[in-house]
Amino acid sequence: MIPHLDLKQLNRPYQAEIAEAMQRVAESGWYVLGKEVVSFEKRWADYCGISHCIGVANGLNALELIFKAYDFPEGSEVIVPANTYIASILSVTSLGLKPVWVEPDIDTYNIDPHKIERMITSKTKAVLAVHLYGKCCTMKPIWELAQKYDLKIIEDAAQAHGATYAGLKAGNLCDAAAFSFYPTKNLGALGDAGAVTTNDAELARKISSLRNYGSTIKYYNDHIGTNSRLDELQAAILNVKLNHLDAENQRRRELAGYFLSEIKHPDVVLPTAKTLYEDAWHLFVVRHPKREQFIDYLMDNGIQATVHYPVPPHKQRAYAEYSHLSLPITERIHNEVVSLPLNPSLTNEDAAYIVQTINQFAFQSHAAVGYYSGL
């Protein structure tokens, strides 16, 4: 079986470095908000090309802390993509804010910037741009709307480590951005971890306080905060793996290019190739109108495919009050998407087998002109 993602295999090349880093933390005697966190925060800010990084416990907390720091009035509206993972929406509603759902662009799966303006009201305070599957949103029109209506832009960059737009990296396309370093992410810890990036020094100071019980000086609390701190152990592991992120992303792009060129089944809708070398390719997501049969076929042939995500947030039981919304593009995407194996541990032979198997689904492959010469 070709797994969708084998974390043990993915981390194997760095085991010695990771073990050394973990030993260093164990011997330091300082396990929370110490030198490893400070080092990673500086390095991640530099990597993203931004001024400030605040390490937090996970990606959802990162988003929640951003909204909490902005202190929007309860009931304020936030423009959100209808096509996203539920964590994006949870970060809005957990702060008493109202999500205003906008359909995606069917070609990118990200929020359609041309559908945002009609949803803006006097209560709108922010736009949440989720860079789904490793592809940055089309940010230029969102920047223009934010300036026109005095809105904040918040990035959910949990899946976009190293992705770029207009020469800028994800995490540096907005007022504040949230990252997850969950183990499956392009830059993954060995547990939960997250971060906030921003160029706003005051916002960074406030989030640094909020993550630590609202305290800047020990036992003195300026805000009603929470406990959401990136621990030393995960920071040390992230410091190791950050050294290899660009090389791993390049491998992902090579594999994505090969798939885009060689998968030629007419019923398989491929992701757009326009931004091949800008995307981080966290996931390689195709669509098929008969998804269950397609997945069963792949599994029967030793290829583990999965679905990101089977149920859109507005159709989840948790958000039953929004189930009446008509969001046909979002629902079509969630009914058809299939995530193929694509990660740095995938071999050329595995990639070729995946292509061959897909092209033989139900009938022979049709000829098509590719733009990529191969791996």
Foldseek 3Di string as FASTA:
>chain_A
DAELDDLCLVCVVCVVVLVVLLVVCVVVPAKFPDDLQVVLQVVLCVQQVADGKAKWFFQLVQLLLLCVLVVQPQAFEEEEELFDPCSVVCSQVVSNYHYDYAYCDLQQSWGDLVRPPVRDDPRHAAYETECPQQHGDPQPSVVVVCVVNVHFYEYACQQHVQFDDPRGGPQERTQKYKYWQDSLHLQHFPHTIIMMTHNDPVSNVQSNCQCPCCDPDPPDHDDRHHNITDISSRSSRSVSCVVCSVVFLVQLLQLLQQLQFQQFAPQKAFHDPPRSPRGSSSWGKIWGQPAVVLQVLCVVVPWHKDAPAQDGNCCDPVNVVSVPDDHPSSNRCNPTMITGRGTSSQDLVNSVVVSCSNCPPPHHGDDDGGDDPHD
